[in-house]
Amino acid sequence: MADLFPGYVIDTNALIDLWRRRYPRDVFPTLWRKIEGLIKSGELVAPQEVLNELQRQYDELYIWAKKQKCFKDLDCDQQWNF
């Protein structure tokens, strides 16, 4: 079985809620810098499907997300463990 990483996994709903409803990037830039730091350190990841779902809207959130290096393809064992 492939090992999962230590850290956090975020889904589409959480990103949309953070970006559009609760903590917009223009109002909470420090929070988003922290999120980007977690991504850069490898502590925050998301399944590739999250980026695919965000692409359907093709808005500023998708443009931001596309620049992040947190979207990972998961194998069957990893998906089962989520």
N, C-alpha and C. Protein backbone atom coordinates (compact mmCIF):
# COMPACT_ATOMS: atom_id res chain seq x y z
N MET A 1 0.84 -1.18 0.00
CA MET A 1 0.00 0.00 0.00
C MET A 1 0.88 1.24 0.00
N ALA A 2 0.56 2.19 -0.84
CA ALA A 2 1.32 3.45 -0.90
C ALA A 2 1.03 4.28 0.34
N ASP A 3 2.08 4.84 0.90
CA ASP A 3 1.91 5.66 2.10
C ASP A 3 1.34 7.02 1.75
N LEU A 4 0.47 7.49 2.61
CA LEU A 4 0.00 8.86 2.50
C LEU A 4 0.99 9.76 3.20
N PHE A 5 1.00 10.99 2.88
CA PHE A 5 1.93 11.98 3.43
C PHE A 5 1.40 12.49 4.77
N PRO A 6 2.28 12.99 5.61
CA PRO A 6 1.81 13.65 6.82
C PRO A 6 1.36 15.06 6.46
N GLY A 7 0.22 15.45 6.89
CA GLY A 7 -0.26 16.79 6.57
C GLY A 7 -1.75 16.83 6.38
N TYR A 8 -2.17 17.66 5.46
CA TYR A 8 -3.59 17.94 5.26
C TYR A 8 -3.99 17.70 3.81
N VAL A 9 -5.21 17.25 3.63
CA VAL A 9 -5.81 17.09 2.31
C VAL A 9 -7.02 18.00 2.27
N ILE A 10 -7.12 18.79 1.21
CA ILE A 10 -8.25 19.72 1.09
C ILE A 10 -9.09 19.32 -0.11
N ASP A 11 -10.39 19.56 -0.02
CA ASP A 11 -11.27 19.20 -1.13
C ASP A 11 -11.84 20.46 -1.79
N THR A 12 -12.55 20.26 -2.85
CA THR A 12 -13.10 21.36 -3.64
C THR A 12 -14.00 22.25 -2.81
N ASN A 13 -14.90 21.66 -2.07
CA ASN A 13 -15.85 22.42 -1.28
C ASN A 13 -15.15 23.34 -0.28
N ALA A 14 -14.11 22.84 0.37
CA ALA A 14 -13.38 23.65 1.34
C ALA A 14 -12.70 24.84 0.67
N LEU A 15 -12.08 24.62 -0.48
CA LEU A 15 -11.43 25.73 -1.19
C LEU A 15 -12.45 26.78 -1.62
N ILE A 16 -13.55 26.33 -2.18
CA ILE A 16 -14.59 27.27 -2.63
C ILE A 16 -15.14 28.05 -1.44
N ASP A 17 -15.40 27.38 -0.34
CA ASP A 17 -15.94 28.05 0.84
C ASP A 17 -14.94 29.07 1.38
N LEU A 18 -13.69 28.69 1.48
CA LEU A 18 -12.66 29.63 1.95
C LEU A 18 -12.57 30.84 1.03
N TRP A 19 -12.47 30.61 -0.26
CA TRP A 19 -12.20 31.66 -1.24
C TRP A 19 -13.40 32.59 -1.43
N ARG A 20 -14.57 32.02 -1.57
CA ARG A 20 -15.73 32.82 -1.98
C ARG A 20 -16.60 33.29 -0.82
N ARG A 21 -16.63 32.56 0.28
CA ARG A 21 -17.59 32.89 1.33
C ARG A 21 -16.95 33.40 2.62
N ARG A 22 -16.00 32.68 3.13
CA ARG A 22 -15.52 32.97 4.49
C ARG A 22 -14.28 33.84 4.55
N TYR A 23 -13.28 33.53 3.73
CA TYR A 23 -11.99 34.23 3.83
C TYR A 23 -11.47 34.62 2.45
N PRO A 24 -12.12 35.57 1.80
CA PRO A 24 -11.65 35.98 0.47
C PRO A 24 -10.19 36.41 0.51
N ARG A 25 -9.48 36.08 -0.54
CA ARG A 25 -8.04 36.35 -0.58
C ARG A 25 -7.72 37.84 -0.44
N ASP A 26 -8.54 38.69 -1.02
CA ASP A 26 -8.25 40.12 -0.95
C ASP A 26 -8.47 40.69 0.45
N VAL A 27 -9.28 40.04 1.27
CA VAL A 27 -9.56 40.50 2.63
C VAL A 27 -8.62 39.83 3.64
N PHE A 28 -8.22 38.59 3.38
CA PHE A 28 -7.39 37.81 4.30
C PHE A 28 -6.11 37.33 3.61
N PRO A 29 -5.27 38.25 3.14
CA PRO A 29 -4.06 37.82 2.42
C PRO A 29 -3.09 37.01 3.27
N THR A 30 -3.04 37.29 4.57
CA THR A 30 -2.13 36.54 5.44
C THR A 30 -2.52 35.07 5.51
N LEU A 31 -3.80 34.79 5.61
CA LEU A 31 -4.27 33.40 5.62
C LEU A 31 -3.85 32.68 4.35
N TRP A 32 -4.03 33.34 3.21
CA TRP A 32 -3.70 32.70 1.94
C TRP A 32 -2.20 32.51 1.77
N ARG A 33 -1.39 33.41 2.35
CA ARG A 33 0.06 33.20 2.34
C ARG A 33 0.41 31.97 3.18
N LYS A 34 -0.28 31.79 4.29
CA LYS A 34 -0.06 30.60 5.13
C LYS A 34 -0.44 29.33 4.37
N ILE A 35 -1.57 29.37 3.68
CA ILE A 35 -1.99 28.22 2.88
C ILE A 35 -0.95 27.91 1.81
N GLU A 36 -0.46 28.94 1.13
CA GLU A 36 0.57 28.74 0.11
C GLU A 36 1.85 28.18 0.72
N GLY A 37 2.17 28.61 1.94
CA GLY A 37 3.34 28.06 2.64
C GLY A 37 3.18 26.58 2.93
N LEU A 38 1.98 26.18 3.35
CA LEU A 38 1.71 24.75 3.59
C LEU A 38 1.83 23.95 2.30
N ILE A 39 1.39 24.53 1.20
CA ILE A 39 1.51 23.86 -0.10
C ILE A 39 2.98 23.70 -0.46
N LYS A 40 3.75 24.78 -0.35
CA LYS A 40 5.17 24.73 -0.71
C LYS A 40 5.94 23.74 0.14
N SER A 41 5.56 23.60 1.40
CA SER A 41 6.26 22.67 2.28
C SER A 41 5.78 21.23 2.10
N GLY A 42 4.75 21.04 1.29
CA GLY A 42 4.22 19.70 1.05
C GLY A 42 3.26 19.22 2.12
N GLU A 43 2.86 20.12 3.02
CA GLU A 43 1.96 19.74 4.11
C GLU A 43 0.49 19.81 3.73
N LEU A 44 0.17 20.47 2.63
CA LEU A 44 -1.21 20.58 2.16
C LEU A 44 -1.27 20.12 0.72
N VAL A 45 -2.10 19.14 0.46
CA VAL A 45 -2.27 18.61 -0.90
C VAL A 45 -3.75 18.45 -1.18
N ALA A 46 -4.04 18.17 -2.44
CA ALA A 46 -5.42 17.90 -2.86
C ALA A 46 -5.36 16.90 -4.01
N PRO A 47 -6.38 16.08 -4.13
CA PRO A 47 -6.45 15.19 -5.28
C PRO A 47 -6.56 16.00 -6.58
N GLN A 48 -6.04 15.47 -7.66
CA GLN A 48 -6.11 16.13 -8.97
C GLN A 48 -7.55 16.45 -9.35
N GLU A 49 -8.47 15.62 -8.91
CA GLU A 49 -9.89 15.83 -9.22
C GLU A 49 -10.39 17.18 -8.71
N VAL A 50 -9.80 17.68 -7.63
CA VAL A 50 -10.19 19.00 -7.10
C VAL A 50 -9.91 20.08 -8.14
N LEU A 51 -8.73 20.05 -8.73
CA LEU A 51 -8.40 21.04 -9.76
C LEU A 51 -9.32 20.87 -10.96
N ASN A 52 -9.63 19.64 -11.33
CA ASN A 52 -10.55 19.40 -12.45
C ASN A 52 -11.92 20.01 -12.17
N GLU A 53 -12.39 19.87 -10.93
CA GLU A 53 -13.69 20.44 -10.57
C GLU A 53 -13.65 21.97 -10.57
N LEU A 54 -12.56 22.54 -10.09
CA LEU A 54 -12.44 24.01 -10.08
C LEU A 54 -12.38 24.57 -11.50
N GLN A 55 -11.83 23.80 -12.42
CA GLN A 55 -11.71 24.26 -13.81
C GLN A 55 -13.07 24.52 -14.45
N ARG A 56 -14.08 23.82 -14.01
CA ARG A 56 -15.42 24.00 -14.59
C ARG A 56 -15.92 25.43 -14.41
N GLN A 57 -15.53 26.06 -13.32
CA GLN A 57 -15.95 27.45 -13.06
C GLN A 57 -15.03 28.44 -13.76
N TYR A 58 -13.75 28.09 -13.91
CA TYR A 58 -12.70 28.91 -14.52
C TYR A 58 -12.79 30.37 -14.05
N ASP A 59 -12.58 30.56 -12.77
CA ASP A 59 -12.59 31.89 -12.17
C ASP A 59 -11.24 32.15 -11.51
N GLU A 60 -11.17 33.19 -10.67
CA GLU A 60 -9.90 33.53 -10.02
C GLU A 60 -9.41 32.42 -9.11
N LEU A 61 -10.31 31.70 -8.47
CA LEU A 61 -9.89 30.57 -7.64
C LEU A 61 -9.19 29.52 -8.48
N TYR A 62 -9.74 29.19 -9.62
CA TYR A 62 -9.10 28.20 -10.49
C TYR A 62 -7.74 28.69 -10.96
N ILE A 63 -7.66 29.95 -11.35
CA ILE A 63 -6.38 30.51 -11.82
C ILE A 63 -5.34 30.43 -10.71
N TRP A 64 -5.74 30.76 -9.47
CA TRP A 64 -4.82 30.65 -8.33
C TRP A 64 -4.42 29.19 -8.12
N ALA A 65 -5.41 28.31 -8.10
CA ALA A 65 -5.17 26.89 -7.82
C ALA A 65 -4.24 26.27 -8.86
N LYS A 66 -4.41 26.65 -10.11
CA LYS A 66 -3.61 26.09 -11.19
C LYS A 66 -2.12 26.38 -10.97
N LYS A 67 -1.80 27.47 -10.30
CA LYS A 67 -0.40 27.84 -10.03
C LYS A 67 0.20 27.06 -8.87
N GLN A 68 -0.64 26.43 -8.07
CA GLN A 68 -0.16 25.71 -6.89
C GLN A 68 0.30 24.31 -7.28
N LYS A 69 1.25 23.80 -6.54
CA LYS A 69 1.82 22.47 -6.82
C LYS A 69 1.31 21.45 -5.80
N CYS A 70 0.02 21.48 -5.54
CA CYS A 70 -0.52 20.61 -4.48
C CYS A 70 -1.43 19.51 -5.00
N PHE A 71 -1.69 19.47 -6.28
CA PHE A 71 -2.66 18.52 -6.82
C PHE A 71 -1.97 17.23 -7.23
N LYS A 72 -2.41 16.13 -6.63
CA LYS A 72 -1.75 14.84 -6.78
C LYS A 72 -2.72 13.80 -7.33
N ASP A 73 -2.18 12.95 -8.21
CA ASP A 73 -2.94 11.77 -8.64
C ASP A 73 -2.84 10.73 -7.54
N LEU A 74 -3.94 10.15 -7.19
CA LEU A 74 -3.97 9.15 -6.11
C LEU A 74 -4.15 7.76 -6.70
N ASP A 75 -3.46 6.80 -6.11
CA ASP A 75 -3.68 5.42 -6.55
C ASP A 75 -4.88 4.84 -5.81
N CYS A 76 -5.29 3.66 -6.18
CA CYS A 76 -6.49 3.05 -5.60
C CYS A 76 -6.39 2.88 -4.08
N ASP A 77 -5.22 2.46 -3.59
CA ASP A 77 -5.06 2.28 -2.15
C ASP A 77 -5.23 3.61 -1.41
N GLN A 78 -4.65 4.66 -1.94
CA GLN A 78 -4.76 5.97 -1.30
C GLN A 78 -6.21 6.44 -1.30
N GLN A 79 -6.91 6.27 -2.41
CA GLN A 79 -8.30 6.68 -2.47
C GLN A 79 -9.14 5.91 -1.46
N TRP A 80 -8.87 4.64 -1.32
CA TRP A 80 -9.62 3.82 -0.37
C TRP A 80 -9.43 4.31 1.06
N ASN A 81 -8.23 4.80 1.38
CA ASN A 81 -7.93 5.26 2.73
C ASN A 81 -8.47 6.64 3.05
N PHE A 82 -8.95 7.35 2.06
CA PHE A 82 -9.59 8.64 2.33
C PHE A 82 -10.94 8.34 2.90
